[in-house]
Amino acid sequence: MNLCMLTIIIPTALEDVVIDWMLEQSDIMGFNSSSIYGHGSDETNMSIAELVTGKSKRVMFQTHVPENIAKNILTRLKKTFASRDIHYMIRPLIDAGNLMSYEDE
């Protein structure tokens, strides 16, 4: 099993709807979210205030799942939120888990 970290970065306006969508997915056992700022040269989706400050407020979600499940999640995300300003990353993980269930070997 190739475990990976799936990161999804969205505009703040989509936060509640994406949280609801992620909670409905049976293959996402849990996820983290945090407020972040995006920086870049794409000015098409930036407000005047964001253009002046050079940063755009975003929300980042992260979950760890097997790679094939991450790709399935992205396929469904793309169908549900087509043509939205959503960025994603899939990165390999060496290990992940919960220390409450950790047993010494």
PDB file of N, CA and C in Angstrom:
ATOM      1  N   MET A   1       0.846  -1.179   0.000  1.00  0.00           N
ATOM      2  CA  MET A   1       0.000   0.000   0.000  1.00  0.00           C
ATOM      3  C   MET A   1       0.889   1.240   0.000  1.00  0.00           C
ATOM      4  N   ASN A   2       0.678   2.111  -0.951  1.00  0.00           N
ATOM      5  CA  ASN A   2       1.414   3.373  -1.042  1.00  0.00           C
ATOM      6  C   ASN A   2       0.625   4.453  -0.324  1.00  0.00           C
ATOM      7  N   LEU A   3       1.005   4.723   0.923  1.00  0.00           N
ATOM      8  CA  LEU A   3       0.332   5.738   1.718  1.00  0.00           C
ATOM      9  C   LEU A   3       0.773   7.118   1.254  1.00  0.00           C
ATOM     10  N   CYS A   4      -0.178   8.066   1.191  1.00  0.00           N
ATOM     11  CA  CYS A   4       0.156   9.410   0.735  1.00  0.00           C
ATOM     12  C   CYS A   4      -0.603  10.451   1.537  1.00  0.00           C
ATOM     13  N   MET A   5      -0.117  11.684   1.438  1.00  0.00           N
ATOM     14  CA  MET A   5      -0.788  12.831   2.019  1.00  0.00           C
ATOM     15  C   MET A   5      -1.477  13.580   0.895  1.00  0.00           C
ATOM     16  N   LEU A   6      -2.792  13.690   0.997  1.00  0.00           N
ATOM     17  CA  LEU A   6      -3.571  14.453   0.036  1.00  0.00           C
ATOM     18  C   LEU A   6      -3.818  15.829   0.637  1.00  0.00           C
ATOM     19  N   THR A   7      -3.382  16.864  -0.062  1.00  0.00           N
ATOM     20  CA  THR A   7      -3.575  18.239   0.362  1.00  0.00           C
ATOM     21  C   THR A   7      -4.462  18.929  -0.660  1.00  0.00           C
ATOM     22  N   ILE A   8      -5.491  19.597  -0.183  1.00  0.00           N
ATOM     23  CA  ILE A   8      -6.414  20.335  -1.046  1.00  0.00           C
ATOM     24  C   ILE A   8      -6.462  21.769  -0.529  1.00  0.00           C
ATOM     25  N   ILE A   9      -6.245  22.737  -1.420  1.00  0.00           N
ATOM     26  CA  ILE A   9      -6.237  24.150  -1.049  1.00  0.00           C
ATOM     27  C   ILE A   9      -7.335  24.855  -1.838  1.00  0.00           C
ATOM     28  N   ILE A  10      -8.206  25.551  -1.090  1.00  0.00           N
ATOM     29  CA  ILE A  10      -9.400  26.145  -1.700  1.00  0.00           C
ATOM     30  C   ILE A  10      -9.559  27.606  -1.289  1.00  0.00           C
ATOM     31  N   PRO A  11     -10.356  28.371  -2.036  1.00  0.00           N
ATOM     32  CA  PRO A  11     -10.715  29.717  -1.588  1.00  0.00           C
ATOM     33  C   PRO A  11     -11.596  29.622  -0.336  1.00  0.00           C
ATOM     34  N   THR A  12     -11.526  30.620   0.521  1.00  0.00           N
ATOM     35  CA  THR A  12     -12.304  30.588   1.767  1.00  0.00           C
ATOM     36  C   THR A  12     -13.809  30.517   1.523  1.00  0.00           C
ATOM     37  N   ALA A  13     -14.278  31.027   0.413  1.00  0.00           N
ATOM     38  CA  ALA A  13     -15.711  31.005   0.114  1.00  0.00           C
ATOM     39  C   ALA A  13     -16.254  29.583  -0.022  1.00  0.00           C
ATOM     40  N   LEU A  14     -15.389  28.630  -0.325  1.00  0.00           N
ATOM     41  CA  LEU A  14     -15.819  27.240  -0.500  1.00  0.00           C
ATOM     42  C   LEU A  14     -15.665  26.393   0.771  1.00  0.00           C
ATOM     43  N   GLU A  15     -15.171  26.984   1.843  1.00  0.00           N
ATOM     44  CA  GLU A  15     -14.809  26.204   3.031  1.00  0.00           C
ATOM     45  C   GLU A  15     -15.947  25.320   3.539  1.00  0.00           C
ATOM     46  N   ASP A  16     -17.095  25.884   3.826  1.00  0.00           N
ATOM     47  CA  ASP A  16     -18.183  25.097   4.419  1.00  0.00           C
ATOM     48  C   ASP A  16     -18.680  23.990   3.494  1.00  0.00           C
ATOM     49  N   VAL A  17     -18.806  24.299   2.216  1.00  0.00           N
ATOM     50  CA  VAL A  17     -19.312  23.299   1.282  1.00  0.00           C
ATOM     51  C   VAL A  17     -18.298  22.165   1.079  1.00  0.00           C
ATOM     52  N   VAL A  18     -17.006  22.477   1.078  1.00  0.00           N
ATOM     53  CA  VAL A  18     -15.986  21.436   0.938  1.00  0.00           C
ATOM     54  C   VAL A  18     -15.894  20.600   2.214  1.00  0.00           C
ATOM     55  N   ILE A  19     -16.023  21.224   3.382  1.00  0.00           N
ATOM     56  CA  ILE A  19     -16.053  20.451   4.625  1.00  0.00           C
ATOM     57  C   ILE A  19     -17.203  19.454   4.583  1.00  0.00           C
ATOM     58  N   ASP A  20     -18.393  19.919   4.223  1.00  0.00           N
ATOM     59  CA  ASP A  20     -19.554  19.020   4.144  1.00  0.00           C
ATOM     60  C   ASP A  20     -19.297  17.894   3.149  1.00  0.00           C
ATOM     61  N   TRP A  21     -18.719  18.237   1.986  1.00  0.00           N
ATOM     62  CA  TRP A  21     -18.443  17.234   0.959  1.00  0.00           C
ATOM     63  C   TRP A  21     -17.460  16.193   1.482  1.00  0.00           C
ATOM     64  N   MET A  22     -16.393  16.643   2.131  1.00  0.00           N
ATOM     65  CA  MET A  22     -15.388  15.704   2.634  1.00  0.00           C
ATOM     66  C   MET A  22     -15.956  14.805   3.725  1.00  0.00           C
ATOM     67  N   LEU A  23     -16.811  15.349   4.580  1.00  0.00           N
ATOM     68  CA  LEU A  23     -17.435  14.535   5.629  1.00  0.00           C
ATOM     69  C   LEU A  23     -18.364  13.466   5.052  1.00  0.00           C
ATOM     70  N   GLU A  24     -18.888  13.687   3.863  1.00  0.00           N
ATOM     71  CA  GLU A  24     -19.766  12.723   3.206  1.00  0.00           C
ATOM     72  C   GLU A  24     -19.011  11.590   2.512  1.00  0.00           C
ATOM     73  N   GLN A  25     -17.706  11.733   2.327  1.00  0.00           N
ATOM     74  CA  GLN A  25     -16.926  10.728   1.594  1.00  0.00           C
ATOM     75  C   GLN A  25     -16.584   9.562   2.514  1.00  0.00           C
ATOM     76  N   SER A  26     -17.010   8.382   2.159  1.00  0.00           N
ATOM     77  CA  SER A  26     -16.813   7.202   3.016  1.00  0.00           C
ATOM     78  C   SER A  26     -15.349   6.757   3.090  1.00  0.00           C
ATOM     79  N   ASP A  27     -14.521   7.174   2.146  1.00  0.00           N
ATOM     80  CA  ASP A  27     -13.122   6.758   2.162  1.00  0.00           C
ATOM     81  C   ASP A  27     -12.195   7.796   2.813  1.00  0.00           C
ATOM     82  N   ILE A  28     -12.769   8.857   3.372  1.00  0.00           N
ATOM     83  CA  ILE A  28     -11.993   9.822   4.154  1.00  0.00           C
ATOM     84  C   ILE A  28     -12.359   9.611   5.615  1.00  0.00           C
ATOM     85  N   MET A  29     -11.423   9.051   6.383  1.00  0.00           N
ATOM     86  CA  MET A  29     -11.692   8.724   7.778  1.00  0.00           C
ATOM     87  C   MET A  29     -11.560   9.938   8.700  1.00  0.00           C
ATOM     88  N   GLY A  30     -10.913  10.974   8.230  1.00  0.00           N
ATOM     89  CA  GLY A  30     -10.719  12.202   8.978  1.00  0.00           C
ATOM     90  C   GLY A  30      -9.791  13.107   8.204  1.00  0.00           C
ATOM     91  N   PHE A  31      -9.783  14.364   8.576  1.00  0.00           N
ATOM     92  CA  PHE A  31      -8.921  15.323   7.889  1.00  0.00           C
ATOM     93  C   PHE A  31      -8.675  16.516   8.794  1.00  0.00           C
ATOM     94  N   ASN A  32      -7.650  17.264   8.469  1.00  0.00           N
ATOM     95  CA  ASN A  32      -7.327  18.507   9.152  1.00  0.00           C
ATOM     96  C   ASN A  32      -7.594  19.662   8.211  1.00  0.00           C
ATOM     97  N   SER A  33      -7.941  20.801   8.792  1.00  0.00           N
ATOM     98  CA  SER A  33      -8.074  22.013   7.986  1.00  0.00           C
ATOM     99  C   SER A  33      -7.381  23.153   8.709  1.00  0.00           C
ATOM    100  N   SER A  34      -6.852  24.084   7.920  1.00  0.00           N
ATOM    101  CA  SER A  34      -6.210  25.250   8.505  1.00  0.00           C
ATOM    102  C   SER A  34      -6.309  26.424   7.540  1.00  0.00           C
ATOM    103  N   SER A  35      -6.293  27.619   8.111  1.00  0.00           N
ATOM    104  CA  SER A  35      -6.281  28.839   7.305  1.00  0.00           C
ATOM    105  C   SER A  35      -4.843  29.130   6.894  1.00  0.00           C
ATOM    106  N   ILE A  36      -4.681  29.449   5.633  1.00  0.00           N
ATOM    107  CA  ILE A  36      -3.349  29.754   5.099  1.00  0.00           C
ATOM    108  C   ILE A  36      -3.462  30.942   4.157  1.00  0.00           C
ATOM    109  N   TYR A  37      -2.323  31.424   3.679  1.00  0.00           N
ATOM    110  CA  TYR A  37      -2.279  32.450   2.646  1.00  0.00           C
ATOM    111  C   TYR A  37      -1.567  31.889   1.435  1.00  0.00           C
ATOM    112  N   GLY A  38      -2.118  32.166   0.266  1.00  0.00           N
ATOM    113  CA  GLY A  38      -1.465  31.804  -0.985  1.00  0.00           C
ATOM    114  C   GLY A  38      -0.783  33.029  -1.565  1.00  0.00           C
ATOM    115  N   HIS A  39       0.336  32.803  -2.189  1.00  0.00           N
ATOM    116  CA  HIS A  39       1.097  33.879  -2.827  1.00  0.00           C
ATOM    117  C   HIS A  39       1.420  33.429  -4.246  1.00  0.00           C
ATOM    118  N   GLY A  40       1.256  34.297  -5.200  1.00  0.00           N
ATOM    119  CA  GLY A  40       1.557  33.912  -6.564  1.00  0.00           C
ATOM    120  C   GLY A  40       1.283  35.032  -7.533  1.00  0.00           C
ATOM    121  N   SER A  41       1.468  34.725  -8.790  1.00  0.00           N
ATOM    122  CA  SER A  41       1.338  35.756  -9.826  1.00  0.00           C
ATOM    123  C   SER A  41      -0.008  35.712 -10.545  1.00  0.00           C
ATOM    124  N   ASP A  42      -0.866  34.727 -10.236  1.00  0.00           N
ATOM    125  CA  ASP A  42      -2.178  34.635 -10.884  1.00  0.00           C
ATOM    126  C   ASP A  42      -3.127  35.635 -10.233  1.00  0.00           C
ATOM    127  N   GLU A  43      -3.377  36.726 -10.935  1.00  0.00           N
ATOM    128  CA  GLU A  43      -4.187  37.804 -10.382  1.00  0.00           C
ATOM    129  C   GLU A  43      -5.658  37.696 -10.755  1.00  0.00           C
ATOM    130  N   THR A  44      -6.029  36.714 -11.549  1.00  0.00           N
ATOM    131  CA  THR A  44      -7.402  36.636 -12.060  1.00  0.00           C
ATOM    132  C   THR A  44      -8.434  36.397 -10.962  1.00  0.00           C
ATOM    133  N   ASN A  45      -8.059  35.694  -9.893  1.00  0.00           N
ATOM    134  CA  ASN A  45      -9.010  35.382  -8.834  1.00  0.00           C
ATOM    135  C   ASN A  45      -8.776  36.192  -7.565  1.00  0.00           C
ATOM    136  N   MET A  46      -7.968  37.232  -7.641  1.00  0.00           N
ATOM    137  CA  MET A  46      -7.622  38.004  -6.450  1.00  0.00           C
ATOM    138  C   MET A  46      -8.471  39.276  -6.351  1.00  0.00           C
ATOM    139  N   SER A  47      -8.863  39.618  -5.119  1.00  0.00           N
ATOM    140  CA  SER A  47      -9.572  40.871  -4.875  1.00  0.00           C
ATOM    141  C   SER A  47      -8.568  42.023  -4.894  1.00  0.00           C
ATOM    142  N   ILE A  48      -9.070  43.248  -4.851  1.00  0.00           N
ATOM    143  CA  ILE A  48      -8.193  44.426  -4.819  1.00  0.00           C
ATOM    144  C   ILE A  48      -7.302  44.375  -3.574  1.00  0.00           C
ATOM    145  N   ALA A  49      -7.876  44.034  -2.417  1.00  0.00           N
ATOM    146  CA  ALA A  49      -7.095  43.955  -1.169  1.00  0.00           C
ATOM    147  C   ALA A  49      -5.999  42.898  -1.291  1.00  0.00           C
ATOM    148  N   GLU A  50      -6.316  41.772  -1.915  1.00  0.00           N
ATOM    149  CA  GLU A  50      -5.316  40.713  -2.090  1.00  0.00           C
ATOM    150  C   GLU A  50      -4.207  41.154  -3.043  1.00  0.00           C
ATOM    151  N   LEU A  51      -4.581  41.891  -4.073  1.00  0.00           N
ATOM    152  CA  LEU A  51      -3.568  42.406  -5.001  1.00  0.00           C
ATOM    153  C   LEU A  51      -2.621  43.368  -4.287  1.00  0.00           C
ATOM    154  N   VAL A  52      -3.153  44.208  -3.405  1.00  0.00           N
ATOM    155  CA  VAL A  52      -2.336  45.188  -2.691  1.00  0.00           C
ATOM    156  C   VAL A  52      -1.403  44.490  -1.702  1.00  0.00           C
ATOM    157  N   THR A  53      -1.924  43.511  -0.957  1.00  0.00           N
ATOM    158  CA  THR A  53      -1.112  42.846   0.067  1.00  0.00           C
ATOM    159  C   THR A  53      -0.230  41.744  -0.500  1.00  0.00           C
ATOM    160  N   GLY A  54      -0.553  41.262  -1.696  1.00  0.00           N
ATOM    161  CA  GLY A  54       0.242  40.196  -2.308  1.00  0.00           C
ATOM    162  C   GLY A  54      -0.042  38.820  -1.736  1.00  0.00           C
ATOM    163  N   LYS A  55      -1.180  38.668  -1.072  1.00  0.00           N
ATOM    164  CA  LYS A  55      -1.537  37.364  -0.517  1.00  0.00           C
ATOM    165  C   LYS A  55      -3.037  37.150  -0.618  1.00  0.00           C
ATOM    166  N   SER A  56      -3.397  35.876  -0.718  1.00  0.00           N
ATOM    167  CA  SER A  56      -4.784  35.488  -0.859  1.00  0.00           C
ATOM    168  C   SER A  56      -5.130  34.460   0.217  1.00  0.00           C
ATOM    169  N   LYS A  57      -6.145  34.744   1.018  1.00  0.00           N
ATOM    170  CA  LYS A  57      -6.531  33.833   2.097  1.00  0.00           C
ATOM    171  C   LYS A  57      -7.130  32.566   1.502  1.00  0.00           C
ATOM    172  N   ARG A  58      -6.708  31.423   2.010  1.00  0.00           N
ATOM    173  CA  ARG A  58      -7.138  30.112   1.542  1.00  0.00           C
ATOM    174  C   ARG A  58      -7.399  29.198   2.731  1.00  0.00           C
ATOM    175  N   VAL A  59      -7.989  28.048   2.449  1.00  0.00           N
ATOM    176  CA  VAL A  59      -8.160  26.994   3.450  1.00  0.00           C
ATOM    177  C   VAL A  59      -7.478  25.750   2.901  1.00  0.00           C
ATOM    178  N   MET A  60      -6.700  25.088   3.769  1.00  0.00           N
ATOM    179  CA  MET A  60      -5.987  23.879   3.362  1.00  0.00           C
ATOM    180  C   MET A  60      -6.533  22.689   4.140  1.00  0.00           C
ATOM    181  N   PHE A  61      -6.844  21.629   3.422  1.00  0.00           N
ATOM    182  CA  PHE A  61      -7.278  20.364   4.011  1.00  0.00           C
ATOM    183  C   PHE A  61      -6.194  19.324   3.760  1.00  0.00           C
ATOM    184  N   GLN A  62      -5.954  18.472   4.755  1.00  0.00           N
ATOM    185  CA  GLN A  62      -5.000  17.381   4.586  1.00  0.00           C
ATOM    186  C   GLN A  62      -5.572  16.100   5.182  1.00  0.00           C
ATOM    187  N   THR A  63      -5.345  15.012   4.473  1.00  0.00           N
ATOM    188  CA  THR A  63      -5.712  13.688   4.960  1.00  0.00           C
ATOM    189  C   THR A  63      -4.702  12.694   4.417  1.00  0.00           C
ATOM    190  N   HIS A  64      -4.493  11.592   5.153  1.00  0.00           N
ATOM    191  CA  HIS A  64      -3.594  10.568   4.619  1.00  0.00           C
ATOM    192  C   HIS A  64      -4.414   9.326   4.287  1.00  0.00           C
ATOM    193  N   VAL A  65      -4.195   8.849   3.079  1.00  0.00           N
ATOM    194  CA  VAL A  65      -4.926   7.710   2.527  1.00  0.00           C
ATOM    195  C   VAL A  65      -4.000   6.969   1.564  1.00  0.00           C
ATOM    196  N   PRO A  66      -4.347   5.738   1.185  1.00  0.00           N
ATOM    197  CA  PRO A  66      -3.593   5.076   0.118  1.00  0.00           C
ATOM    198  C   PRO A  66      -3.697   5.891  -1.186  1.00  0.00           C
ATOM    199  N   GLU A  67      -2.664   5.815  -2.004  1.00  0.00           N
ATOM    200  CA  GLU A  67      -2.597   6.624  -3.220  1.00  0.00           C
ATOM    201  C   GLU A  67      -3.790   6.409  -4.148  1.00  0.00           C
ATOM    202  N   ASN A  68      -4.228   5.181  -4.325  1.00  0.00           N
ATOM    203  CA  ASN A  68      -5.365   4.927  -5.222  1.00  0.00           C
ATOM    204  C   ASN A  68      -6.642   5.595  -4.702  1.00  0.00           C
ATOM    205  N   ILE A  69      -6.810   5.649  -3.392  1.00  0.00           N
ATOM    206  CA  ILE A  69      -7.978   6.317  -2.822  1.00  0.00           C
ATOM    207  C   ILE A  69      -7.859   7.827  -3.014  1.00  0.00           C
ATOM    208  N   ALA A  70      -6.663   8.377  -2.840  1.00  0.00           N
ATOM    209  CA  ALA A  70      -6.456   9.813  -3.067  1.00  0.00           C
ATOM    210  C   ALA A  70      -6.845  10.189  -4.496  1.00  0.00           C
ATOM    211  N   LYS A  71      -6.468   9.374  -5.454  1.00  0.00           N
ATOM    212  CA  LYS A  71      -6.803   9.663  -6.852  1.00  0.00           C
ATOM    213  C   LYS A  71      -8.310   9.568  -7.080  1.00  0.00           C
ATOM    214  N   ASN A  72      -8.971   8.610  -6.429  1.00  0.00           N
ATOM    215  CA  ASN A  72     -10.428   8.503  -6.532  1.00  0.00           C
ATOM    216  C   ASN A  72     -11.117   9.717  -5.914  1.00  0.00           C
ATOM    217  N   ILE A  73     -10.611  10.169  -4.769  1.00  0.00           N
ATOM    218  CA  ILE A  73     -11.159  11.368  -4.120  1.00  0.00           C
ATOM    219  C   ILE A  73     -11.025  12.561  -5.052  1.00  0.00           C
ATOM    220  N   LEU A  74      -9.863  12.723  -5.678  1.00  0.00           N
ATOM    221  CA  LEU A  74      -9.648  13.843  -6.595  1.00  0.00           C
ATOM    222  C   LEU A  74     -10.568  13.776  -7.805  1.00  0.00           C
ATOM    223  N   THR A  75     -10.809  12.589  -8.313  1.00  0.00           N
ATOM    224  CA  THR A  75     -11.721  12.438  -9.453  1.00  0.00           C
ATOM    225  C   THR A  75     -13.112  12.941  -9.089  1.00  0.00           C
ATOM    226  N   ARG A  76     -13.596  12.550  -7.908  1.00  0.00           N
ATOM    227  CA  ARG A  76     -14.921  12.998  -7.454  1.00  0.00           C
ATOM    228  C   ARG A  76     -14.922  14.497  -7.148  1.00  0.00           C
ATOM    229  N   LEU A  77     -13.841  14.996  -6.564  1.00  0.00           N
ATOM    230  CA  LEU A  77     -13.729  16.423  -6.260  1.00  0.00           C
ATOM    231  C   LEU A  77     -13.792  17.249  -7.538  1.00  0.00           C
ATOM    232  N   LYS A  78     -13.083  16.803  -8.577  1.00  0.00           N
ATOM    233  CA  LYS A  78     -13.069  17.516  -9.856  1.00  0.00           C
ATOM    234  C   LYS A  78     -14.462  17.538 -10.488  1.00  0.00           C
ATOM    235  N   LYS A  79     -15.216  16.452 -10.360  1.00  0.00           N
ATOM    236  CA  LYS A  79     -16.573  16.407 -10.909  1.00  0.00           C
ATOM    237  C   LYS A  79     -17.500  17.342 -10.145  1.00  0.00           C
ATOM    238  N   THR A  80     -17.379  17.356  -8.826  1.00  0.00           N
ATOM    239  CA  THR A  80     -18.272  18.153  -7.993  1.00  0.00           C
ATOM    240  C   THR A  80     -17.951  19.641  -8.049  1.00  0.00           C
ATOM    241  N   PHE A  81     -16.671  19.976  -8.119  1.00  0.00           N
ATOM    242  CA  PHE A  81     -16.242  21.369  -8.066  1.00  0.00           C
ATOM    243  C   PHE A  81     -15.502  21.773  -9.339  1.00  0.00           C
ATOM    244  N   ALA A  82     -16.035  21.376 -10.475  1.00  0.00           N
ATOM    245  CA  ALA A  82     -15.399  21.680 -11.763  1.00  0.00           C
ATOM    246  C   ALA A  82     -15.231  23.186 -11.927  1.00  0.00           C
ATOM    247  N   SER A  83     -14.132  23.566 -12.504  1.00  0.00           N
ATOM    248  CA  SER A  83     -13.761  24.958 -12.810  1.00  0.00           C
ATOM    249  C   SER A  83     -13.748  25.869 -11.585  1.00  0.00           C
ATOM    250  N   ARG A  84     -13.430  25.322 -10.433  1.00  0.00           N
ATOM    251  CA  ARG A  84     -13.225  26.128  -9.221  1.00  0.00           C
ATOM    252  C   ARG A  84     -11.728  26.298  -8.997  1.00  0.00           C
ATOM    253  N   ASP A  85     -11.358  27.286  -8.241  1.00  0.00           N
ATOM    254  CA  ASP A  85      -9.958  27.590  -7.964  1.00  0.00           C
ATOM    255  C   ASP A  85      -9.466  26.671  -6.836  1.00  0.00           C
ATOM    256  N   ILE A  86      -9.231  25.412  -7.164  1.00  0.00           N
ATOM    257  CA  ILE A  86      -8.807  24.410  -6.184  1.00  0.00           C
ATOM    258  C   ILE A  86      -7.457  23.848  -6.610  1.00  0.00           C
ATOM    259  N   HIS A  87      -6.522  23.845  -5.669  1.00  0.00           N
ATOM    260  CA  HIS A  87      -5.185  23.303  -5.907  1.00  0.00           C
ATOM    261  C   HIS A  87      -5.038  22.042  -5.057  1.00  0.00           C
ATOM    262  N   TYR A  88      -4.319  21.057  -5.571  1.00  0.00           N
ATOM    263  CA  TYR A  88      -4.122  19.833  -4.797  1.00  0.00           C
ATOM    264  C   TYR A  88      -2.688  19.328  -4.938  1.00  0.00           C
ATOM    265  N   MET A  89      -2.297  18.505  -3.982  1.00  0.00           N
ATOM    266  CA  MET A  89      -0.993  17.837  -4.015  1.00  0.00           C
ATOM    267  C   MET A  89      -1.167  16.435  -3.436  1.00  0.00           C
ATOM    268  N   ILE A  90      -0.477  15.493  -4.015  1.00  0.00           N
ATOM    269  CA  ILE A  90      -0.374  14.146  -3.450  1.00  0.00           C
ATOM    270  C   ILE A  90       1.109  13.895  -3.215  1.00  0.00           C
ATOM    271  N   ARG A  91       1.456  13.644  -1.950  1.00  0.00           N
ATOM    272  CA  ARG A  91       2.856  13.398  -1.598  1.00  0.00           C
ATOM    273  C   ARG A  91       2.973  12.056  -0.890  1.00  0.00           C
ATOM    274  N   PRO A  92       4.021  11.301  -1.177  1.00  0.00           N
ATOM    275  CA  PRO A  92       4.196  10.015  -0.511  1.00  0.00           C
ATOM    276  C   PRO A  92       4.500  10.197   0.980  1.00  0.00           C
ATOM    277  N   LEU A  93       4.016   9.267   1.788  1.00  0.00           N
ATOM    278  CA  LEU A  93       4.294   9.251   3.229  1.00  0.00           C
ATOM    279  C   LEU A  93       5.048   7.975   3.569  1.00  0.00           C
ATOM    280  N   ILE A  94       5.970   8.088   4.477  1.00  0.00           N
ATOM    281  CA  ILE A  94       6.677   6.905   4.963  1.00  0.00           C
ATOM    282  C   ILE A  94       5.792   6.139   5.941  1.00  0.00           C
ATOM    283  N   ASP A  95       5.111   6.880   6.811  1.00  0.00           N
ATOM    284  CA  ASP A  95       4.260   6.253   7.818  1.00  0.00           C
ATOM    285  C   ASP A  95       3.286   7.291   8.347  1.00  0.00           C
ATOM    286  N   ALA A  96       2.158   6.835   8.869  1.00  0.00           N
ATOM    287  CA  ALA A  96       1.173   7.700   9.514  1.00  0.00           C
ATOM    288  C   ALA A  96       0.285   6.820  10.366  1.00  0.00           C
ATOM    289  N   GLY A  97      -0.219   7.374  11.423  1.00  0.00           N
ATOM    290  CA  GLY A  97      -1.103   6.608  12.287  1.00  0.00           C
ATOM    291  C   GLY A  97      -1.458   7.386  13.531  1.00  0.00           C
ATOM    292  N   ASN A  98      -2.003   6.694  14.499  1.00  0.00           N
ATOM    293  CA  ASN A  98      -2.437   7.282  15.749  1.00  0.00           C
ATOM    294  C   ASN A  98      -1.671   6.629  16.886  1.00  0.00           C
ATOM    295  N   LEU A  99      -1.019   7.405  17.732  1.00  0.00           N
ATOM    296  CA  LEU A  99      -0.221   6.847  18.816  1.00  0.00           C
ATOM    297  C   LEU A  99      -1.080   6.113  19.845  1.00  0.00           C
ATOM    298  N   MET A 100      -2.362   6.407  19.907  1.00  0.00           N
ATOM    299  CA  MET A 100      -3.233   5.711  20.847  1.00  0.00           C
ATOM    300  C   MET A 100      -3.345   4.228  20.507  1.00  0.00           C
ATOM    301  N   SER A 101      -3.178   3.906  19.226  1.00  0.00           N
ATOM    302  CA  SER A 101      -3.280   2.505  18.820  1.00  0.00           C
ATOM    303  C   SER A 101      -1.920   1.887  18.516  1.00  0.00           C
ATOM    304  N   TYR A 102      -0.842   2.611  18.840  1.00  0.00           N
ATOM    305  CA  TYR A 102       0.509   2.162  18.526  1.00  0.00           C
ATOM    306  C   TYR A 102       0.952   1.078  19.506  1.00  0.00           C
ATOM    307  N   GLU A 103       1.466  -0.012  18.968  1.00  0.00           N
ATOM    308  CA  GLU A 103       1.995  -1.089  19.793  1.00  0.00           C
ATOM    309  C   GLU A 103       3.462  -1.286  19.468  1.00  0.00           C
ATOM    310  N   ASP A 104       4.278  -1.465  20.499  1.00  0.00           N
ATOM    311  CA  ASP A 104       5.686  -1.749  20.264  1.00  0.00           C
ATOM    312  C   ASP A 104       5.844  -3.114  19.610  1.00  0.00           C
ATOM    313  N   GLU A 105       6.762  -3.196  18.688  1.00  0.00           N
ATOM    314  CA  GLU A 105       6.965  -4.465  17.995  1.00  0.00           C
ATOM    315  C   GLU A 105       8.174  -5.185  18.547  1.00  0.00           C
TER     316      GLU A 105
END
